Amino acid sequence: MFESVPDVAIIICTYNPDAKIFSRVLDAIKALVFPDNLVVECILVDNNSQSSIHEMPCVKDFLEQSPWAKVIKESQQGLIFARITGVKSTTAPIIVFFDDDNEPAPDYLQAIKNCLDKHHCIAALGPGKVTVEFLEPVSDWFEKNFSKHFQERNTEYTQYGCVPATWTDFYPFGTGLVVKREVFQKYYQAFTEGRLASIGRKGNNLSSGEDIQIVWEAVKMGLAAGISPDLKIKHLIPSQRATLKYIKRLTFGTASSYMPALIGSFPSEKIKALAAIPSKKTIVHNLFKLIRRRVLRFQYKLLLIDLAHYIGDVVGTLRSVEYDERSHFIYKLVEILNIE
């Protein structure tokens, strides 16, 4: 299909995309400036959407204008399965993952090439400039407190490193994630052998463990992961996600997936996780501290987010050591707060 061997593969996985948002994403992909002699391939992965994305006018238009792109379908629900299918359909040594609400800057590919050419040790790279755009007006209070939950970043210089068994401020998120093929192949091998479980997004589930596990695979290979301000992207947030209810679920999903992801990538950390299981008395004490701190400041809405984060941490720790967490009283709080 391609005249020469591709250098970069763009993979966009989607599930029931919003037509208006997806149209903006595809327009941004069409507007990407290809560096000289850089051959690009693009795969749109329909992850079992209720209606085939082939029928969407914006997709038809995109395919007509982009002969280097195609649509494939992955019927098994889950972002990781869609990503695997996308990667297996490409050959390029550099893989760029965009979500269906990511709008990259026109020079995104050039910035990737410049950064990787300069820093050969980097094998997982993300944007240092992530602008969150709420598609419907939100209050200044909401934007100030919750843009960071949508991966907002404003880094002034390139940062990278190789620090195992932890998460640093300069490790890249899933938004606009760039990985070298050998890193993803290592991740895929561990996944298919059962050493890494699927703990990422699936349908309406808001877990996010697979993104960090992909980054950690690079680290485990002795390679660096980082971010660069030259990579710029917009994260488009529709009104249904700009709510406290969604932020609560997102916070819980992120917090509860971290420890299982860590233990999956670094099994030796399980000993620390076992030691970190809090007693019921400790949990109650910590919950009252959170409540007291926010109530005294009349920050009732932020209290809900704090509770979702702390409860997610506890649930994630229980899951990571295969504790029968459903019998734990913490799950009654999950149900009461409706955060899962």
Protein backbone atom coordinates (compact mmCIF):
# COMPACT_ATOMS: atom_id res chain seq x y z
CA MET A 1 0.00 0.00 0.00
CA PHE A 2 2.85 2.37 0.82
CA GLU A 3 5.43 3.45 -1.74
CA SER A 4 8.28 3.18 0.76
CA VAL A 5 8.88 1.95 4.28
CA PRO A 6 7.04 4.17 6.81
CA ASP A 7 9.03 6.05 9.43
CA VAL A 8 6.14 6.96 11.74
CA ALA A 9 2.84 5.24 12.44
CA ILE A 10 -0.05 7.31 13.77
CA ILE A 11 -2.64 5.20 15.57
CA ILE A 12 -5.97 6.66 16.66
CA CYS A 13 -8.20 4.34 18.67
CA THR A 14 -11.82 5.29 19.07
CA TYR A 15 -15.05 4.04 20.58
CA ASN A 16 -18.33 5.77 19.70
CA PRO A 17 -16.56 9.05 18.88
CA ASP A 18 -18.28 12.40 19.09
CA ALA A 19 -18.57 13.49 15.43
CA LYS A 20 -17.79 17.15 16.08
CA ILE A 21 -14.70 16.37 18.18
CA PHE A 22 -13.48 13.56 15.93
CA SER A 23 -13.78 15.83 12.92
CA ARG A 24 -11.45 18.33 14.59
CA VAL A 25 -8.98 15.56 15.41
CA LEU A 26 -8.91 14.28 11.83
CA ASP A 27 -8.57 17.83 10.49
CA ALA A 28 -5.54 18.25 12.75
CA ILE A 29 -4.03 15.01 11.43
CA LYS A 30 -4.56 16.21 7.86
CA ALA A 31 -2.87 19.49 8.77
CA LEU A 32 0.26 17.80 10.13
CA VAL A 33 3.41 18.94 8.36
CA PHE A 34 5.51 16.00 7.28
CA PRO A 35 9.25 16.58 7.67
CA ASP A 36 11.31 16.06 4.53
CA ASN A 37 11.62 12.39 3.55
CA LEU A 38 9.45 11.27 6.49
CA VAL A 39 6.95 8.61 5.43
CA VAL A 40 3.82 8.37 7.59
CA GLU A 41 1.15 5.72 7.90
CA CYS A 42 -2.08 6.21 9.85
CA ILE A 43 -4.52 3.68 11.29
CA LEU A 44 -7.94 4.53 12.71
CA VAL A 45 -8.99 1.67 14.97
CA ASP A 46 -12.73 1.31 15.48
CA ASN A 47 -12.94 -0.40 18.86
CA ASN A 48 -16.38 -1.95 18.40
CA SER A 49 -18.34 1.29 18.13
CA GLN A 50 -22.11 0.94 17.99
CA SER A 51 -22.09 2.42 14.50
CA SER A 52 -19.10 1.87 12.22
CA ILE A 53 -16.91 4.94 11.98
CA HIS A 54 -16.66 4.17 8.25
CA GLU A 55 -20.09 5.78 7.94
CA MET A 56 -19.05 9.07 9.52
CA PRO A 57 -18.71 11.91 6.96
CA CYS A 58 -15.55 13.21 8.64
CA VAL A 59 -13.92 9.78 8.32
CA LYS A 60 -14.92 9.41 4.69
CA ASP A 61 -13.51 12.85 3.94
CA PHE A 62 -10.32 12.07 5.84
CA LEU A 63 -9.71 8.81 3.98
CA GLU A 64 -10.35 10.45 0.61
CA GLN A 65 -7.74 13.11 1.32
CA SER A 66 -5.27 10.86 3.13
CA PRO A 67 -4.26 7.85 1.01
CA TRP A 68 -1.71 6.97 3.70
CA ALA A 69 -4.52 6.22 6.17
CA LYS A 70 -7.03 3.41 6.64
CA VAL A 71 -9.66 2.15 9.08
CA ILE A 72 -9.58 -1.23 10.78
CA LYS A 73 -11.87 -2.72 13.40
CA GLU A 74 -11.08 -4.39 16.72
CA SER A 75 -14.16 -6.04 18.20
CA GLN A 76 -12.64 -6.86 21.60
CA GLN A 77 -13.49 -3.96 23.86
CA GLY A 78 -10.60 -2.16 25.52
CA LEU A 79 -8.06 0.45 24.53
CA ILE A 80 -5.12 -1.94 24.80
CA PHE A 81 -6.70 -4.40 22.36
CA ALA A 82 -7.33 -1.57 19.91
CA ARG A 83 -3.75 -0.35 20.28
CA ILE A 84 -2.33 -3.83 19.74
CA THR A 85 -4.41 -4.27 16.60
CA GLY A 86 -3.28 -0.88 15.35
CA VAL A 87 0.40 -1.55 15.99
CA LYS A 88 0.21 -4.98 14.33
CA SER A 89 -1.20 -3.27 11.24
CA THR A 90 1.81 -0.97 10.94
CA THR A 91 5.54 -1.35 10.40
CA ALA A 92 7.07 2.02 11.32
CA PRO A 93 9.72 2.09 14.07
CA ILE A 94 8.08 5.10 15.76
CA ILE A 95 4.47 4.86 16.96
CA VAL A 96 2.34 7.87 17.88
CA PHE A 97 -0.88 7.26 19.82
CA PHE A 98 -3.58 9.92 19.62
CA ASP A 99 -6.89 9.60 21.43
CA ASP A 100 -10.05 10.58 19.60
CA ASP A 101 -10.10 13.88 21.49
CA ASN A 102 -6.47 14.88 20.86
CA GLU A 103 -5.72 17.77 18.49
CA PRO A 104 -1.96 17.87 17.79
CA ALA A 105 -0.19 21.01 16.62
CA PRO A 106 0.78 21.04 12.91
CA ASP A 107 4.51 20.62 13.73
CA TYR A 108 3.98 17.63 16.05
CA LEU A 109 5.81 15.17 13.78
CA GLN A 110 8.71 17.56 13.23
CA ALA A 111 8.99 18.06 16.99
CA ILE A 112 9.07 14.29 17.52
CA LYS A 113 11.83 13.88 14.93
CA ASN A 114 13.90 16.73 16.35
CA CYS A 115 13.62 15.46 19.92
CA LEU A 116 14.38 11.82 19.16
CA ASP A 117 17.26 12.76 16.83
CA LYS A 118 18.77 14.86 19.61
CA HIS A 119 18.05 12.50 22.51
CA HIS A 120 18.64 8.97 21.28
CA CYS A 121 18.03 7.46 24.72
CA ILE A 122 14.37 8.52 24.80
CA ALA A 123 12.02 5.70 23.86
CA ALA A 124 8.76 7.05 25.31
CA LEU A 125 7.92 10.69 24.68
CA GLY A 126 4.96 12.95 25.32
CA PRO A 127 3.89 16.56 24.88
CA GLY A 128 5.19 19.10 27.36
CA LYS A 129 2.45 21.50 26.33
CA VAL A 130 -1.08 20.11 26.79
CA THR A 131 -3.84 22.69 26.54
CA VAL A 132 -7.22 21.64 27.87
CA GLU A 133 -10.07 23.10 25.84
CA PHE A 134 -13.54 22.82 27.34
CA LEU A 135 -15.95 22.78 24.44
CA GLU A 136 -18.71 24.32 26.54
CA PRO A 137 -18.10 27.13 29.04
CA VAL A 138 -17.13 26.06 32.55
CA SER A 139 -16.64 28.17 35.65
CA ASP A 140 -13.24 29.66 36.38
CA TRP A 141 -13.26 27.60 39.58
CA PHE A 142 -13.77 24.34 37.65
CA GLU A 143 -11.11 25.18 35.06
CA LYS A 144 -8.57 26.16 37.74
CA ASN A 145 -9.11 23.04 39.87
CA PHE A 146 -9.68 20.33 37.30
CA SER A 147 -7.78 21.09 34.07
CA LYS A 148 -4.87 19.08 35.50
CA HIS A 149 -7.17 16.03 35.68
CA PHE A 150 -7.30 16.18 31.89
CA GLN A 151 -3.47 16.05 31.67
CA GLU A 152 -2.87 19.78 31.31
CA ARG A 153 0.86 20.52 31.13
CA ASN A 154 2.99 23.59 30.55
CA THR A 155 6.60 22.47 30.65
CA GLU A 156 9.27 24.97 29.62
CA TYR A 157 12.09 22.58 28.74
CA THR A 158 12.68 18.97 27.72
CA GLN A 159 12.84 16.58 30.65
CA TYR A 160 13.56 12.87 30.63
CA GLY A 161 14.99 10.11 32.75
CA CYS A 162 15.00 6.44 33.60
CA VAL A 163 13.61 5.90 37.10
CA PRO A 164 12.11 2.44 37.76
CA ALA A 165 9.21 1.52 40.05
CA THR A 166 7.86 5.05 40.40
CA TRP A 167 6.08 7.76 38.44
CA THR A 168 7.81 11.08 37.90
CA ASP A 169 6.49 14.45 36.80
CA PHE A 170 8.35 14.16 33.50
CA TYR A 171 6.95 10.80 32.43
CA PRO A 172 4.46 11.11 29.54
CA PHE A 173 0.73 10.46 29.81
CA GLY A 174 -1.28 8.65 27.17
CA THR A 175 -2.27 11.86 25.37
CA GLY A 176 -0.11 12.10 22.24
CA LEU A 177 2.18 9.32 23.49
CA VAL A 178 5.15 8.45 21.27
CA VAL A 179 6.89 5.08 21.71
CA LYS A 180 9.55 3.19 19.83
CA ARG A 181 8.29 -0.06 18.38
CA GLU A 182 10.66 -2.23 20.40
CA VAL A 183 9.16 -0.82 23.60
CA PHE A 184 5.61 -1.61 22.58
CA GLN A 185 6.68 -5.07 21.43
CA LYS A 186 8.11 -5.70 24.91
CA TYR A 187 4.85 -4.53 26.43
CA TYR A 188 2.83 -6.71 24.05
CA GLN A 189 4.98 -9.75 24.84
CA ALA A 190 4.48 -9.27 28.59
CA PHE A 191 0.77 -8.73 28.06
CA THR A 192 0.24 -11.86 25.96
CA GLU A 193 2.27 -13.94 28.42
CA GLY A 194 0.01 -12.79 31.24
CA ARG A 195 2.71 -10.87 33.11
CA LEU A 196 0.80 -7.63 32.53
CA ALA A 197 -2.98 -7.48 32.84
CA SER A 198 -5.34 -5.20 30.97
CA ILE A 199 -6.15 -2.48 33.51
CA GLY A 200 -6.74 0.39 31.13
CA ARG A 201 -9.78 1.99 29.57
CA LYS A 202 -12.58 -0.30 28.48
CA GLY A 203 -15.91 1.15 27.37
CA ASN A 204 -16.90 3.59 30.11
CA ASN A 205 -14.28 2.35 32.58
CA LEU A 206 -11.82 5.12 33.45
CA SER A 207 -8.78 3.14 34.58
CA SER A 208 -5.47 4.18 33.02
CA GLY A 209 -2.87 1.61 33.98
CA GLU A 210 -1.74 0.56 30.53
CA ASP A 211 -0.33 3.98 29.60
CA ILE A 212 2.08 3.98 32.52
CA GLN A 213 2.99 0.34 31.99
CA ILE A 214 4.04 1.09 28.41
CA VAL A 215 6.26 3.89 29.73
CA TRP A 216 7.68 1.59 32.40
CA GLU A 217 8.58 -0.99 29.74
CA ALA A 218 10.92 1.60 28.25
CA VAL A 219 12.41 2.25 31.68
CA LYS A 220 12.87 -1.48 32.32
CA MET A 221 14.81 -1.67 29.05
CA GLY A 222 17.20 0.98 30.36
CA LEU A 223 15.77 3.62 28.07
CA ALA A 224 14.49 7.06 28.99
CA ALA A 225 10.98 8.47 29.07
CA GLY A 226 10.19 12.15 28.99
CA ILE A 227 8.32 15.18 27.71
CA SER A 228 9.19 18.09 25.46
CA PRO A 229 7.56 21.54 25.20
CA ASP A 230 8.08 21.35 21.45
CA LEU A 231 5.32 18.73 21.34
CA LYS A 232 2.03 20.62 21.69
CA ILE A 233 -1.48 19.23 21.77
CA LYS A 234 -5.02 20.20 22.70
CA HIS A 235 -7.18 17.92 24.81
CA LEU A 236 -10.79 18.53 23.79
CA ILE A 237 -13.26 18.07 26.65
CA PRO A 238 -17.02 17.90 25.93
CA SER A 239 -19.62 19.08 28.42
CA GLN A 240 -20.51 15.58 29.64
CA ARG A 241 -16.99 15.18 30.97
CA ALA A 242 -16.74 18.65 32.48
CA THR A 243 -18.68 17.63 35.59
CA LEU A 244 -17.85 16.77 39.18
CA LYS A 245 -19.39 13.35 38.70
CA TYR A 246 -16.97 12.57 35.88
CA ILE A 247 -13.98 13.99 37.78
CA LYS A 248 -14.83 11.76 40.74
CA ARG A 249 -14.90 8.65 38.54
CA LEU A 250 -11.76 9.69 36.68
CA THR A 251 -9.90 10.33 39.94
CA PHE A 252 -10.96 6.98 41.38
CA GLY A 253 -10.11 5.13 38.17
CA THR A 254 -6.64 6.66 37.97
CA ALA A 255 -5.84 6.14 41.65
CA SER A 256 -7.14 2.58 41.81
CA SER A 257 -5.20 1.48 38.71
CA TYR A 258 -1.79 2.80 39.78
CA MET A 259 -0.74 0.16 42.30
CA PRO A 260 -1.91 -2.84 40.22
CA ALA A 261 0.02 -1.36 37.28
CA LEU A 262 3.12 -0.88 39.43
CA ILE A 263 3.06 -4.46 40.77
CA GLY A 264 2.44 -5.80 37.27
CA SER A 265 5.48 -3.99 35.91
CA PHE A 266 7.68 -4.44 39.00
CA PRO A 267 6.58 -7.61 40.86
CA SER A 268 9.18 -7.08 43.60
CA GLU A 269 7.16 -4.06 44.74
CA LYS A 270 4.42 -6.39 45.97
CA ILE A 271 6.20 -6.73 49.31
CA LYS A 272 5.89 -2.98 49.82
CA ALA A 273 2.25 -3.09 48.79
CA LEU A 274 1.50 -5.78 51.36
CA ALA A 275 3.11 -3.62 54.02
CA ALA A 276 1.12 -0.61 52.82
CA ILE A 277 -2.33 -2.13 53.34
CA PRO A 278 -3.92 0.20 55.90
CA SER A 279 -5.94 -1.11 58.80
CA LYS A 280 -9.61 -0.20 59.00
CA LYS A 281 -8.75 2.08 61.90
CA THR A 282 -6.15 3.89 59.79
CA ILE A 283 -8.56 4.26 56.89
CA VAL A 284 -11.24 5.78 59.11
CA HIS A 285 -8.68 8.11 60.69
CA ASN A 286 -7.44 9.29 57.29
CA LEU A 287 -10.97 9.79 56.00
CA PHE A 288 -11.84 11.98 58.96
CA LYS A 289 -8.66 14.02 58.42
CA LEU A 290 -9.67 14.63 54.80
CA ILE A 291 -13.21 15.55 55.77
CA ARG A 292 -12.11 17.87 58.55
CA ARG A 293 -9.58 19.71 56.37
CA ARG A 294 -12.04 20.44 53.56
CA VAL A 295 -15.09 21.11 55.73
CA LEU A 296 -13.25 23.69 57.82
CA ARG A 297 -12.47 25.49 54.58
CA PHE A 298 -16.00 25.00 53.21
CA GLN A 299 -14.51 23.13 50.24
CA TYR A 300 -17.24 20.49 49.99
CA LYS A 301 -16.87 19.83 46.27
CA LEU A 302 -13.12 19.32 46.52
CA LEU A 303 -13.77 16.95 49.44
CA LEU A 304 -15.57 14.57 47.08
CA ILE A 305 -12.52 14.47 44.81
CA ASP A 306 -10.16 13.94 47.76
CA LEU A 307 -12.30 11.04 48.97
CA ALA A 308 -12.36 9.49 45.48
CA HIS A 309 -8.56 9.72 45.31
CA TYR A 310 -7.90 8.26 48.76
CA ILE A 311 -10.46 5.48 48.39
CA GLY A 312 -9.01 4.70 44.94
CA ASP A 313 -5.53 4.40 46.47
CA VAL A 314 -6.83 1.94 49.07
CA VAL A 315 -8.78 -0.11 46.53
CA GLY A 316 -5.77 -0.19 44.20
CA THR A 317 -3.51 -1.45 46.99
CA LEU A 318 -5.99 -4.20 47.84
CA ARG A 319 -6.29 -5.23 44.20
CA SER A 320 -2.54 -5.29 43.72
CA VAL A 321 -2.08 -7.95 46.43
CA GLU A 322 -5.13 -9.93 45.27
CA TYR A 323 -7.03 -9.16 48.45
CA ASP A 324 -10.75 -9.93 48.27
CA GLU A 325 -11.50 -6.24 48.29
CA ARG A 326 -15.23 -6.60 47.64
CA SER A 327 -15.61 -7.86 51.21
CA HIS A 328 -13.79 -4.80 52.54
CA PHE A 329 -15.87 -1.96 53.93
CA ILE A 330 -14.10 0.49 51.62
CA TYR A 331 -16.27 -0.80 48.78
CA LYS A 332 -19.37 0.31 50.60
CA LEU A 333 -17.95 3.83 50.37
CA VAL A 334 -17.29 3.33 46.66
CA GLU A 335 -20.95 2.43 46.24
CA ILE A 336 -22.23 5.29 48.42
CA LEU A 337 -20.13 7.90 46.61
CA ASN A 338 -20.85 6.33 43.21
CA ILE A 339 -17.27 6.73 42.04
CA GLU A 340 -16.53 3.50 40.20
